Amino acid sequence: MGMIDDVYDQMKTSAKKAEDALKTTLSRIRTGRANSAILDTVRVDYYGTMTPVNQMASVTTPEPRLIMVKPWDRTVVQTVDKAIQAAGLGLNPMTDGEIIRIPIPQLTEERRKDLVKTARKHGEECKITIRNARRECNEMLKEIEDAGEAAGDDVARALKKIQEMTDQAVAEVDRIVSAKETDITEI
């Protein structure tokens, strides 16, 4: 049973990694509220090194519709401002010399629909990853059976359990995507 348990562990790990990646990806999708995670992909040329904004500035959300970025080095305020504008996030930062204020505009109905489609697409990609993990685990179980290292009944039970784990993981992905859709469509 030790090898079968290893297959279970691999399935759990693969599903967890896929769900975590989905959560990270969805956190970067802009909703109508301020979320500092949307700046995670913004890189700034800081003395020749492309540095993430959150590693060179304090990023806060003091109000539901405002992100504030306060670079620790005042000399890079304009550089950070330009990087945020160039990131293609649809944000218009305002600078007062020390602090960059980024108001989060209200989303249009059309933009909300596009964002929901994007969230669903990422959810579907995550489900595909989970199904691929299931296929790999099923192949490993069949190899274990062919090698005579486990009885046919044990492998059949294991295949059923792998399917149950897959179904649970897919249901969790649906729940995550649904929560993000609610976030996006909420006014």
N, C-alpha and C. Protein backbone atom coordinates (compact mmCIF):
# COMPACT_ATOMS: atom_id res chain seq x y z
N MET A 1 0.82 -1.20 0.00
CA MET A 1 0.00 0.00 0.00
C MET A 1 0.86 1.27 0.00
N GLY A 2 2.12 1.17 0.33
CA GLY A 2 3.00 2.33 0.42
C GLY A 2 3.09 3.10 -0.89
N MET A 3 3.18 2.36 -1.99
CA MET A 3 3.29 3.02 -3.29
C MET A 3 1.98 3.71 -3.67
N ILE A 4 0.87 3.08 -3.31
CA ILE A 4 -0.44 3.68 -3.59
C ILE A 4 -0.60 4.96 -2.79
N ASP A 5 -0.14 4.94 -1.53
CA ASP A 5 -0.20 6.16 -0.71
C ASP A 5 0.64 7.28 -1.33
N ASP A 6 1.76 6.92 -1.93
CA ASP A 6 2.60 7.92 -2.60
C ASP A 6 1.84 8.56 -3.76
N VAL A 7 1.05 7.75 -4.48
CA VAL A 7 0.26 8.27 -5.59
C VAL A 7 -0.81 9.23 -5.06
N TYR A 8 -1.44 8.86 -3.93
CA TYR A 8 -2.43 9.76 -3.31
C TYR A 8 -1.79 11.10 -2.96
N ASP A 9 -0.61 11.02 -2.33
CA ASP A 9 0.10 12.24 -1.93
C ASP A 9 0.41 13.11 -3.15
N GLN A 10 0.83 12.47 -4.23
CA GLN A 10 1.15 13.23 -5.43
C GLN A 10 -0.10 13.92 -5.97
N MET A 11 -1.23 13.24 -5.96
CA MET A 11 -2.48 13.83 -6.44
C MET A 11 -2.87 15.03 -5.57
N LYS A 12 -2.77 14.86 -4.24
CA LYS A 12 -3.11 15.96 -3.32
C LYS A 12 -2.21 17.16 -3.58
N THR A 13 -0.92 16.90 -3.73
CA THR A 13 0.04 17.97 -3.96
C THR A 13 -0.23 18.69 -5.27
N SER A 14 -0.48 17.93 -6.33
CA SER A 14 -0.74 18.52 -7.64
C SER A 14 -2.00 19.39 -7.60
N ALA A 15 -3.06 18.88 -6.97
CA ALA A 15 -4.31 19.64 -6.89
C ALA A 15 -4.11 20.91 -6.08
N LYS A 16 -3.38 20.81 -4.98
CA LYS A 16 -3.14 21.98 -4.12
C LYS A 16 -2.34 23.04 -4.86
N LYS A 17 -1.31 22.61 -5.60
CA LYS A 17 -0.50 23.57 -6.36
C LYS A 17 -1.34 24.27 -7.42
N ALA A 18 -2.20 23.51 -8.10
CA ALA A 18 -3.06 24.09 -9.14
C ALA A 18 -4.01 25.12 -8.52
N GLU A 19 -4.61 24.78 -7.37
CA GLU A 19 -5.53 25.70 -6.70
C GLU A 19 -4.81 26.96 -6.23
N ASP A 20 -3.61 26.80 -5.68
CA ASP A 20 -2.84 27.96 -5.22
C ASP A 20 -2.48 28.87 -6.38
N ALA A 21 -2.08 28.27 -7.50
CA ALA A 21 -1.73 29.06 -8.69
C ALA A 21 -2.97 29.82 -9.18
N LEU A 22 -4.12 29.16 -9.16
CA LEU A 22 -5.36 29.82 -9.57
C LEU A 22 -5.68 31.01 -8.66
N LYS A 23 -5.55 30.81 -7.36
CA LYS A 23 -5.84 31.90 -6.41
C LYS A 23 -4.91 33.09 -6.67
N THR A 24 -3.64 32.80 -6.91
CA THR A 24 -2.67 33.87 -7.19
C THR A 24 -3.04 34.61 -8.46
N THR A 25 -3.38 33.85 -9.50
CA THR A 25 -3.74 34.46 -10.78
C THR A 25 -5.00 35.31 -10.64
N LEU A 26 -6.00 34.79 -9.95
CA LEU A 26 -7.26 35.52 -9.80
C LEU A 26 -7.09 36.76 -8.92
N SER A 27 -6.14 36.73 -7.98
CA SER A 27 -5.95 37.89 -7.11
C SER A 27 -5.44 39.09 -7.89
N ARG A 28 -4.86 38.83 -9.07
CA ARG A 28 -4.33 39.92 -9.89
C ARG A 28 -5.39 40.52 -10.81
N ILE A 29 -6.55 39.88 -10.88
CA ILE A 29 -7.62 40.44 -11.71
C ILE A 29 -8.29 41.55 -10.93
N ARG A 30 -8.37 42.71 -11.55
CA ARG A 30 -8.89 43.90 -10.89
C ARG A 30 -10.40 43.81 -10.72
N THR A 31 -10.83 44.08 -9.51
CA THR A 31 -12.27 44.20 -9.25
C THR A 31 -12.56 45.67 -9.01
N GLY A 32 -13.72 46.00 -8.58
CA GLY A 32 -14.06 47.40 -8.32
C GLY A 32 -13.42 47.94 -7.05
N ARG A 33 -12.80 47.06 -6.26
CA ARG A 33 -12.19 47.47 -5.00
C ARG A 33 -10.68 47.48 -5.11
N ALA A 34 -10.05 48.26 -4.26
CA ALA A 34 -8.59 48.33 -4.23
C ALA A 34 -8.03 47.01 -3.70
N ASN A 35 -6.99 46.52 -4.36
CA ASN A 35 -6.33 45.29 -3.96
C ASN A 35 -4.86 45.43 -4.34
N SER A 36 -3.99 45.45 -3.36
CA SER A 36 -2.57 45.69 -3.64
C SER A 36 -1.96 44.59 -4.50
N ALA A 37 -2.58 43.42 -4.57
CA ALA A 37 -2.04 42.31 -5.36
C ALA A 37 -2.01 42.62 -6.86
N ILE A 38 -2.81 43.57 -7.33
CA ILE A 38 -2.79 43.86 -8.76
C ILE A 38 -1.48 44.51 -9.18
N LEU A 39 -0.71 45.00 -8.21
CA LEU A 39 0.59 45.61 -8.53
C LEU A 39 1.73 44.59 -8.46
N ASP A 40 1.43 43.34 -8.11
CA ASP A 40 2.47 42.31 -7.95
C ASP A 40 3.27 42.09 -9.23
N THR A 41 2.65 42.28 -10.38
CA THR A 41 3.35 42.02 -11.64
C THR A 41 4.13 43.23 -12.15
N VAL A 42 3.96 44.38 -11.50
CA VAL A 42 4.64 45.60 -11.95
C VAL A 42 6.10 45.56 -11.51
N ARG A 43 7.00 45.74 -12.48
CA ARG A 43 8.44 45.76 -12.21
C ARG A 43 8.98 47.15 -12.54
N VAL A 44 9.92 47.60 -11.71
CA VAL A 44 10.51 48.93 -11.88
C VAL A 44 12.01 48.77 -12.04
N ASP A 45 12.58 49.54 -12.99
CA ASP A 45 14.02 49.53 -13.19
C ASP A 45 14.64 50.32 -12.04
N TYR A 46 15.18 49.61 -11.06
CA TYR A 46 15.74 50.22 -9.86
C TYR A 46 17.25 50.00 -9.87
N TYR A 47 17.97 51.00 -10.33
CA TYR A 47 19.44 50.93 -10.45
C TYR A 47 19.87 49.72 -11.27
N GLY A 48 19.21 49.52 -12.42
CA GLY A 48 19.61 48.46 -13.34
C GLY A 48 18.99 47.11 -13.07
N THR A 49 18.19 46.98 -12.02
CA THR A 49 17.56 45.70 -11.69
C THR A 49 16.05 45.87 -11.75
N MET A 50 15.37 44.96 -12.45
CA MET A 50 13.91 45.00 -12.50
C MET A 50 13.38 44.47 -11.17
N THR A 51 12.81 45.37 -10.37
CA THR A 51 12.40 45.06 -9.01
C THR A 51 10.88 45.18 -8.87
N PRO A 52 10.22 44.22 -8.21
CA PRO A 52 8.78 44.35 -7.97
C PRO A 52 8.49 45.57 -7.08
N VAL A 53 7.38 46.24 -7.34
CA VAL A 53 7.02 47.45 -6.59
C VAL A 53 6.96 47.16 -5.09
N ASN A 54 6.37 46.00 -4.73
CA ASN A 54 6.19 45.73 -3.30
C ASN A 54 7.51 45.44 -2.57
N GLN A 55 8.63 45.35 -3.30
CA GLN A 55 9.93 45.15 -2.67
C GLN A 55 10.72 46.45 -2.55
N MET A 56 10.15 47.54 -3.09
CA MET A 56 10.85 48.82 -3.00
C MET A 56 9.97 49.95 -2.48
N ALA A 57 8.75 49.57 -2.07
CA ALA A 57 7.81 50.58 -1.59
C ALA A 57 6.79 49.94 -0.66
N SER A 58 6.18 50.79 0.13
CA SER A 58 5.08 50.34 0.97
C SER A 58 3.80 50.48 0.14
N VAL A 59 3.06 49.38 -0.02
CA VAL A 59 1.83 49.39 -0.81
C VAL A 59 0.66 49.13 0.14
N THR A 60 -0.24 50.11 0.25
CA THR A 60 -1.37 49.98 1.17
C THR A 60 -2.68 50.33 0.46
N THR A 61 -3.78 49.92 1.08
CA THR A 61 -5.11 50.26 0.57
C THR A 61 -5.88 50.94 1.71
N PRO A 62 -5.65 52.27 1.90
CA PRO A 62 -6.30 52.97 3.01
C PRO A 62 -7.80 53.13 2.85
N GLU A 63 -8.28 53.09 1.61
CA GLU A 63 -9.71 53.22 1.33
C GLU A 63 -10.10 52.10 0.36
N PRO A 64 -11.39 51.76 0.29
CA PRO A 64 -11.82 50.68 -0.60
C PRO A 64 -11.53 50.93 -2.08
N ARG A 65 -11.34 52.19 -2.48
CA ARG A 65 -11.13 52.48 -3.90
C ARG A 65 -9.83 53.24 -4.15
N LEU A 66 -8.82 53.01 -3.27
CA LEU A 66 -7.55 53.73 -3.40
C LEU A 66 -6.39 52.84 -2.97
N ILE A 67 -5.35 52.82 -3.81
CA ILE A 67 -4.10 52.14 -3.45
C ILE A 67 -3.06 53.24 -3.29
N MET A 68 -2.28 53.16 -2.21
CA MET A 68 -1.20 54.12 -2.00
C MET A 68 0.14 53.39 -2.05
N VAL A 69 1.06 53.97 -2.83
CA VAL A 69 2.40 53.42 -2.96
C VAL A 69 3.37 54.48 -2.46
N LYS A 70 4.17 54.13 -1.45
CA LYS A 70 5.16 55.08 -0.92
C LYS A 70 6.53 54.44 -1.05
N PRO A 71 7.27 54.80 -2.12
CA PRO A 71 8.62 54.26 -2.30
C PRO A 71 9.52 54.66 -1.13
N TRP A 72 10.38 53.74 -0.72
CA TRP A 72 11.29 54.02 0.39
C TRP A 72 12.39 54.99 -0.06
N ASP A 73 12.67 55.01 -1.35
CA ASP A 73 13.66 55.92 -1.92
C ASP A 73 12.90 56.96 -2.75
N ARG A 74 12.90 58.23 -2.29
CA ARG A 74 12.11 59.28 -2.97
C ARG A 74 12.55 59.52 -4.41
N THR A 75 13.77 59.17 -4.74
CA THR A 75 14.28 59.46 -6.09
C THR A 75 13.62 58.61 -7.16
N VAL A 76 12.92 57.55 -6.78
CA VAL A 76 12.32 56.65 -7.78
C VAL A 76 10.81 56.81 -7.91
N VAL A 77 10.25 57.82 -7.27
CA VAL A 77 8.79 58.02 -7.31
C VAL A 77 8.29 58.12 -8.75
N GLN A 78 8.95 58.95 -9.57
CA GLN A 78 8.53 59.11 -10.97
C GLN A 78 8.70 57.82 -11.76
N THR A 79 9.77 57.08 -11.48
CA THR A 79 10.03 55.81 -12.18
C THR A 79 8.93 54.80 -11.86
N VAL A 80 8.53 54.73 -10.59
CA VAL A 80 7.46 53.81 -10.17
C VAL A 80 6.15 54.23 -10.83
N ASP A 81 5.88 55.52 -10.85
CA ASP A 81 4.67 56.05 -11.49
C ASP A 81 4.61 55.62 -12.96
N LYS A 82 5.70 55.81 -13.67
CA LYS A 82 5.75 55.43 -15.10
C LYS A 82 5.58 53.92 -15.28
N ALA A 83 6.17 53.12 -14.40
CA ALA A 83 6.06 51.66 -14.49
C ALA A 83 4.62 51.21 -14.30
N ILE A 84 3.90 51.84 -13.38
CA ILE A 84 2.50 51.48 -13.13
C ILE A 84 1.65 51.84 -14.35
N GLN A 85 1.92 53.01 -14.94
CA GLN A 85 1.17 53.40 -16.14
C GLN A 85 1.46 52.47 -17.30
N ALA A 86 2.72 52.04 -17.42
CA ALA A 86 3.13 51.19 -18.55
C ALA A 86 2.71 49.73 -18.38
N ALA A 87 2.26 49.36 -17.19
CA ALA A 87 1.92 47.96 -16.92
C ALA A 87 0.62 47.51 -17.60
N GLY A 88 -0.15 48.45 -18.14
CA GLY A 88 -1.37 48.08 -18.85
C GLY A 88 -2.49 47.61 -17.93
N LEU A 89 -2.54 48.15 -16.71
CA LEU A 89 -3.57 47.75 -15.76
C LEU A 89 -4.81 48.64 -15.83
N GLY A 90 -4.74 49.68 -16.67
CA GLY A 90 -5.87 50.60 -16.78
C GLY A 90 -5.97 51.51 -15.58
N LEU A 91 -4.84 51.79 -14.92
CA LEU A 91 -4.84 52.64 -13.74
C LEU A 91 -4.12 53.95 -14.06
N ASN A 92 -4.57 55.03 -13.42
CA ASN A 92 -3.97 56.35 -13.60
C ASN A 92 -3.40 56.84 -12.28
N PRO A 93 -2.12 56.58 -12.00
CA PRO A 93 -1.55 57.02 -10.73
C PRO A 93 -1.39 58.54 -10.68
N MET A 94 -1.51 59.09 -9.46
CA MET A 94 -1.28 60.51 -9.23
C MET A 94 -0.17 60.63 -8.20
N THR A 95 0.83 61.48 -8.51
CA THR A 95 1.99 61.61 -7.64
C THR A 95 2.03 63.00 -7.01
N ASP A 96 2.40 63.03 -5.72
CA ASP A 96 2.56 64.34 -5.06
C ASP A 96 4.01 64.55 -4.60
N GLY A 97 4.94 63.82 -5.19
CA GLY A 97 6.35 63.98 -4.84
C GLY A 97 6.87 62.87 -3.96
N GLU A 98 6.06 62.40 -3.01
CA GLU A 98 6.48 61.32 -2.10
C GLU A 98 5.60 60.08 -2.24
N ILE A 99 4.32 60.31 -2.40
CA ILE A 99 3.35 59.21 -2.39
C ILE A 99 2.65 59.14 -3.74
N ILE A 100 2.42 57.92 -4.20
CA ILE A 100 1.67 57.71 -5.43
C ILE A 100 0.29 57.20 -5.03
N ARG A 101 -0.73 57.94 -5.42
CA ARG A 101 -2.11 57.52 -5.14
C ARG A 101 -2.70 56.95 -6.42
N ILE A 102 -3.30 55.78 -6.30
CA ILE A 102 -3.89 55.13 -7.47
C ILE A 102 -5.38 54.92 -7.20
N PRO A 103 -6.23 55.81 -7.73
CA PRO A 103 -7.67 55.59 -7.56
C PRO A 103 -8.13 54.43 -8.44
N ILE A 104 -8.98 53.59 -7.88
CA ILE A 104 -9.50 52.45 -8.63
C ILE A 104 -10.84 52.87 -9.24
N PRO A 105 -10.89 52.99 -10.56
CA PRO A 105 -12.13 53.44 -11.20
C PRO A 105 -13.22 52.36 -11.15
N GLN A 106 -14.44 52.83 -11.23
CA GLN A 106 -15.59 51.92 -11.27
C GLN A 106 -15.51 51.11 -12.57
N LEU A 107 -15.77 49.82 -12.49
CA LEU A 107 -15.74 48.98 -13.69
C LEU A 107 -17.04 49.13 -14.48
N THR A 108 -16.92 49.16 -15.80
CA THR A 108 -18.11 49.21 -16.64
C THR A 108 -18.69 47.79 -16.71
N GLU A 109 -19.94 47.69 -17.11
CA GLU A 109 -20.60 46.39 -17.21
C GLU A 109 -19.86 45.49 -18.21
N GLU A 110 -19.43 46.08 -19.33
CA GLU A 110 -18.71 45.32 -20.35
C GLU A 110 -17.38 44.79 -19.81
N ARG A 111 -16.67 45.64 -19.07
CA ARG A 111 -15.38 45.24 -18.49
C ARG A 111 -15.59 44.13 -17.46
N ARG A 112 -16.64 44.22 -16.68
CA ARG A 112 -16.94 43.18 -15.69
C ARG A 112 -17.16 41.83 -16.39
N LYS A 113 -17.90 41.85 -17.50
CA LYS A 113 -18.15 40.61 -18.24
C LYS A 113 -16.85 40.02 -18.77
N ASP A 114 -15.97 40.89 -19.28
CA ASP A 114 -14.66 40.42 -19.76
C ASP A 114 -13.85 39.80 -18.63
N LEU A 115 -13.87 40.44 -17.47
CA LEU A 115 -13.11 39.92 -16.33
C LEU A 115 -13.67 38.59 -15.85
N VAL A 116 -15.00 38.44 -15.87
CA VAL A 116 -15.62 37.17 -15.49
C VAL A 116 -15.19 36.07 -16.46
N LYS A 117 -15.16 36.40 -17.77
CA LYS A 117 -14.71 35.42 -18.77
C LYS A 117 -13.27 35.02 -18.51
N THR A 118 -12.44 36.00 -18.19
CA THR A 118 -11.03 35.71 -17.90
C THR A 118 -10.91 34.81 -16.68
N ALA A 119 -11.66 35.09 -15.64
CA ALA A 119 -11.62 34.27 -14.43
C ALA A 119 -12.06 32.84 -14.74
N ARG A 120 -13.12 32.69 -15.53
CA ARG A 120 -13.59 31.35 -15.90
C ARG A 120 -12.54 30.60 -16.73
N LYS A 121 -11.86 31.34 -17.62
CA LYS A 121 -10.82 30.72 -18.45
C LYS A 121 -9.69 30.19 -17.57
N HIS A 122 -9.28 30.99 -16.59
CA HIS A 122 -8.22 30.54 -15.67
C HIS A 122 -8.70 29.33 -14.86
N GLY A 123 -9.97 29.34 -14.48
CA GLY A 123 -10.53 28.20 -13.74
C GLY A 123 -10.51 26.94 -14.58
N GLU A 124 -10.85 27.07 -15.86
CA GLU A 124 -10.86 25.91 -16.76
C GLU A 124 -9.44 25.37 -16.95
N GLU A 125 -8.47 26.28 -17.06
CA GLU A 125 -7.07 25.84 -17.19
C GLU A 125 -6.63 25.08 -15.95
N CYS A 126 -7.08 25.54 -14.79
CA CYS A 126 -6.75 24.87 -13.54
C CYS A 126 -7.37 23.47 -13.50
N LYS A 127 -8.61 23.35 -13.96
CA LYS A 127 -9.27 22.04 -14.00
C LYS A 127 -8.52 21.09 -14.93
N ILE A 128 -8.03 21.61 -16.06
CA ILE A 128 -7.26 20.78 -16.99
C ILE A 128 -6.00 20.27 -16.31
N THR A 129 -5.34 21.13 -15.56
CA THR A 129 -4.13 20.74 -14.83
C THR A 129 -4.45 19.62 -13.84
N ILE A 130 -5.57 19.76 -13.14
CA ILE A 130 -5.97 18.73 -12.16
C ILE A 130 -6.30 17.41 -12.88
N ARG A 131 -6.98 17.49 -14.01
CA ARG A 131 -7.31 16.27 -14.75
C ARG A 131 -6.05 15.59 -15.29
N ASN A 132 -5.08 16.40 -15.72
CA ASN A 132 -3.80 15.82 -16.16
C ASN A 132 -3.10 15.10 -15.01
N ALA A 133 -3.17 15.68 -13.82
CA ALA A 133 -2.58 15.03 -12.64
C ALA A 133 -3.30 13.71 -12.37
N ARG A 134 -4.63 13.70 -12.54
CA ARG A 134 -5.39 12.46 -12.35
C ARG A 134 -4.93 11.39 -13.33
N ARG A 135 -4.77 11.79 -14.60
CA ARG A 135 -4.33 10.85 -15.63
C ARG A 135 -2.95 10.26 -15.27
N GLU A 136 -2.03 11.12 -14.84
CA GLU A 136 -0.70 10.65 -14.47
C GLU A 136 -0.76 9.68 -13.29
N CYS A 137 -1.60 10.01 -12.30
CA CYS A 137 -1.75 9.12 -11.13
C CYS A 137 -2.36 7.78 -11.54
N ASN A 138 -3.36 7.83 -12.42
CA ASN A 138 -3.97 6.59 -12.90
C ASN A 138 -2.94 5.72 -13.63
N GLU A 139 -2.08 6.35 -14.44
CA GLU A 139 -1.03 5.61 -15.15
C GLU A 139 -0.05 4.98 -14.16
N MET A 140 0.30 5.72 -13.12
CA MET A 140 1.21 5.17 -12.10
C MET A 140 0.58 3.97 -11.40
N LEU A 141 -0.72 4.08 -11.10
CA LEU A 141 -1.41 2.97 -10.43
C LEU A 141 -1.43 1.73 -11.33
N LYS A 142 -1.66 1.93 -12.62
CA LYS A 142 -1.67 0.79 -13.56
C LYS A 142 -0.27 0.16 -13.65
N GLU A 143 0.77 1.00 -13.61
CA GLU A 143 2.14 0.47 -13.62
C GLU A 143 2.43 -0.34 -12.36
N ILE A 144 1.92 0.14 -11.22
CA ILE A 144 2.10 -0.59 -9.96
C ILE A 144 1.42 -1.96 -10.06
N GLU A 145 0.22 -1.98 -10.64
CA GLU A 145 -0.51 -3.23 -10.80
C GLU A 145 0.23 -4.16 -11.78
N ASP A 146 0.68 -3.61 -12.91
CA ASP A 146 1.39 -4.43 -13.90
C ASP A 146 2.68 -5.01 -13.35
N ALA A 147 3.33 -4.28 -12.47
CA ALA A 147 4.58 -4.75 -11.88
C ALA A 147 4.32 -5.77 -10.77
N GLY A 148 3.06 -5.97 -10.43
CA GLY A 148 2.71 -6.95 -9.40
C GLY A 148 2.98 -6.45 -7.99
N GLU A 149 3.09 -5.15 -7.82
CA GLU A 149 3.39 -4.59 -6.50
C GLU A 149 2.13 -4.28 -5.70
N ALA A 150 0.95 -4.45 -6.31
CA ALA A 150 -0.31 -4.25 -5.61
C ALA A 150 -1.37 -5.12 -6.29
N ALA A 151 -2.34 -5.56 -5.49
CA ALA A 151 -3.41 -6.41 -6.01
C ALA A 151 -4.37 -5.57 -6.86
N GLY A 152 -5.06 -6.22 -7.78
CA GLY A 152 -6.01 -5.55 -8.67
C GLY A 152 -7.10 -4.83 -7.91
N ASP A 153 -7.60 -5.44 -6.81
CA ASP A 153 -8.66 -4.81 -6.02
C ASP A 153 -8.17 -3.52 -5.37
N ASP A 154 -6.93 -3.56 -4.86
CA ASP A 154 -6.36 -2.36 -4.23
C ASP A 154 -6.22 -1.24 -5.24
N VAL A 155 -5.78 -1.58 -6.44
CA VAL A 155 -5.60 -0.58 -7.50
C VAL A 155 -6.97 -0.03 -7.92
N ALA A 156 -7.97 -0.89 -8.00
CA ALA A 156 -9.31 -0.42 -8.38
C ALA A 156 -9.85 0.56 -7.34
N ARG A 157 -9.64 0.24 -6.05
CA ARG A 157 -10.06 1.17 -4.99
C ARG A 157 -9.28 2.48 -5.08
N ALA A 158 -8.01 2.38 -5.39
CA ALA A 158 -7.16 3.57 -5.50
C ALA A 158 -7.61 4.45 -6.67
N LEU A 159 -7.95 3.81 -7.79
CA LEU A 159 -8.42 4.57 -8.95
C LEU A 159 -9.71 5.33 -8.60
N LYS A 160 -10.58 4.66 -7.84
CA LYS A 160 -11.83 5.30 -7.43
C LYS A 160 -11.54 6.49 -6.50
N LYS A 161 -10.58 6.30 -5.59
CA LYS A 161 -10.24 7.37 -4.65
C LYS A 161 -9.60 8.55 -5.40
N ILE A 162 -8.77 8.27 -6.39
CA ILE A 162 -8.15 9.34 -7.19
C ILE A 162 -9.25 10.14 -7.89
N GLN A 163 -10.27 9.45 -8.41
CA GLN A 163 -11.38 10.15 -9.06
C GLN A 163 -12.12 11.04 -8.07
N GLU A 164 -12.33 10.52 -6.83
CA GLU A 164 -13.01 11.32 -5.81
C GLU A 164 -12.19 12.57 -5.47
N MET A 165 -10.86 12.39 -5.37
CA MET A 165 -9.99 13.53 -5.08
C MET A 165 -10.06 14.56 -6.21
N THR A 166 -10.13 14.06 -7.44
CA THR A 166 -10.23 14.95 -8.61
C THR A 166 -11.55 15.72 -8.55
N ASP A 167 -12.64 15.02 -8.25
CA ASP A 167 -13.94 15.68 -8.17
C ASP A 167 -13.95 16.76 -7.09
N GLN A 168 -13.32 16.47 -5.93
CA GLN A 168 -13.25 17.46 -4.85
C GLN A 168 -12.45 18.68 -5.29
N ALA A 169 -11.33 18.43 -5.96
CA ALA A 169 -10.47 19.53 -6.41
C ALA A 169 -11.19 20.40 -7.45
N VAL A 170 -11.90 19.77 -8.37
CA VAL A 170 -12.64 20.52 -9.39
C VAL A 170 -13.76 21.34 -8.73
N ALA A 171 -14.42 20.77 -7.73
CA ALA A 171 -15.46 21.51 -7.01
C ALA A 171 -14.86 22.72 -6.29
N GLU A 172 -13.66 22.55 -5.74
CA GLU A 172 -12.98 23.67 -5.07
C GLU A 172 -12.62 24.77 -6.08
N VAL A 173 -12.18 24.38 -7.26
CA VAL A 173 -11.87 25.35 -8.31
C VAL A 173 -13.14 26.12 -8.68
N ASP A 174 -14.25 25.41 -8.83
CA ASP A 174 -15.52 26.07 -9.14
C ASP A 174 -15.89 27.08 -8.04
N ARG A 175 -15.66 26.69 -6.79
CA ARG A 175 -15.97 27.57 -5.67
C ARG A 175 -15.09 28.83 -5.71
N ILE A 176 -13.80 28.65 -5.97
CA ILE A 176 -12.86 29.79 -6.03
C ILE A 176 -13.26 30.74 -7.16
N VAL A 177 -13.56 30.19 -8.34
CA VAL A 177 -13.93 31.02 -9.49
C VAL A 177 -15.26 31.73 -9.21
N SER A 178 -16.20 31.04 -8.61
CA SER A 178 -17.49 31.63 -8.30
C SER A 178 -17.34 32.80 -7.32
N ALA A 179 -16.47 32.64 -6.33
CA ALA A 179 -16.23 33.72 -5.38
C ALA A 179 -15.62 34.93 -6.08
N LYS A 180 -14.72 34.69 -7.02
CA LYS A 180 -14.10 35.79 -7.77
C LYS A 180 -15.13 36.47 -8.66
N GLU A 181 -16.01 35.68 -9.28
CA GLU A 181 -17.07 36.26 -10.12
C GLU A 181 -17.96 37.18 -9.29
N THR A 182 -18.30 36.75 -8.09
CA THR A 182 -19.11 37.56 -7.19
C THR A 182 -18.38 38.86 -6.87
N ASP A 183 -17.07 38.75 -6.62
CA ASP A 183 -16.23 39.92 -6.37
C ASP A 183 -16.27 40.91 -7.52
N ILE A 184 -16.16 40.38 -8.72
CA ILE A 184 -16.09 41.21 -9.92
C ILE A 184 -17.44 41.90 -10.20
N THR A 185 -18.51 41.15 -10.07
CA THR A 185 -19.83 41.69 -10.43
C THR A 185 -20.44 42.56 -9.33
N GLU A 186 -19.88 42.51 -8.12
CA GLU A 186 -20.39 43.32 -7.02
C GLU A 186 -20.11 44.79 -7.29
N ILE A 187 -21.10 45.63 -7.10
CA ILE A 187 -20.92 47.07 -7.37
C ILE A 187 -20.69 47.81 -6.08
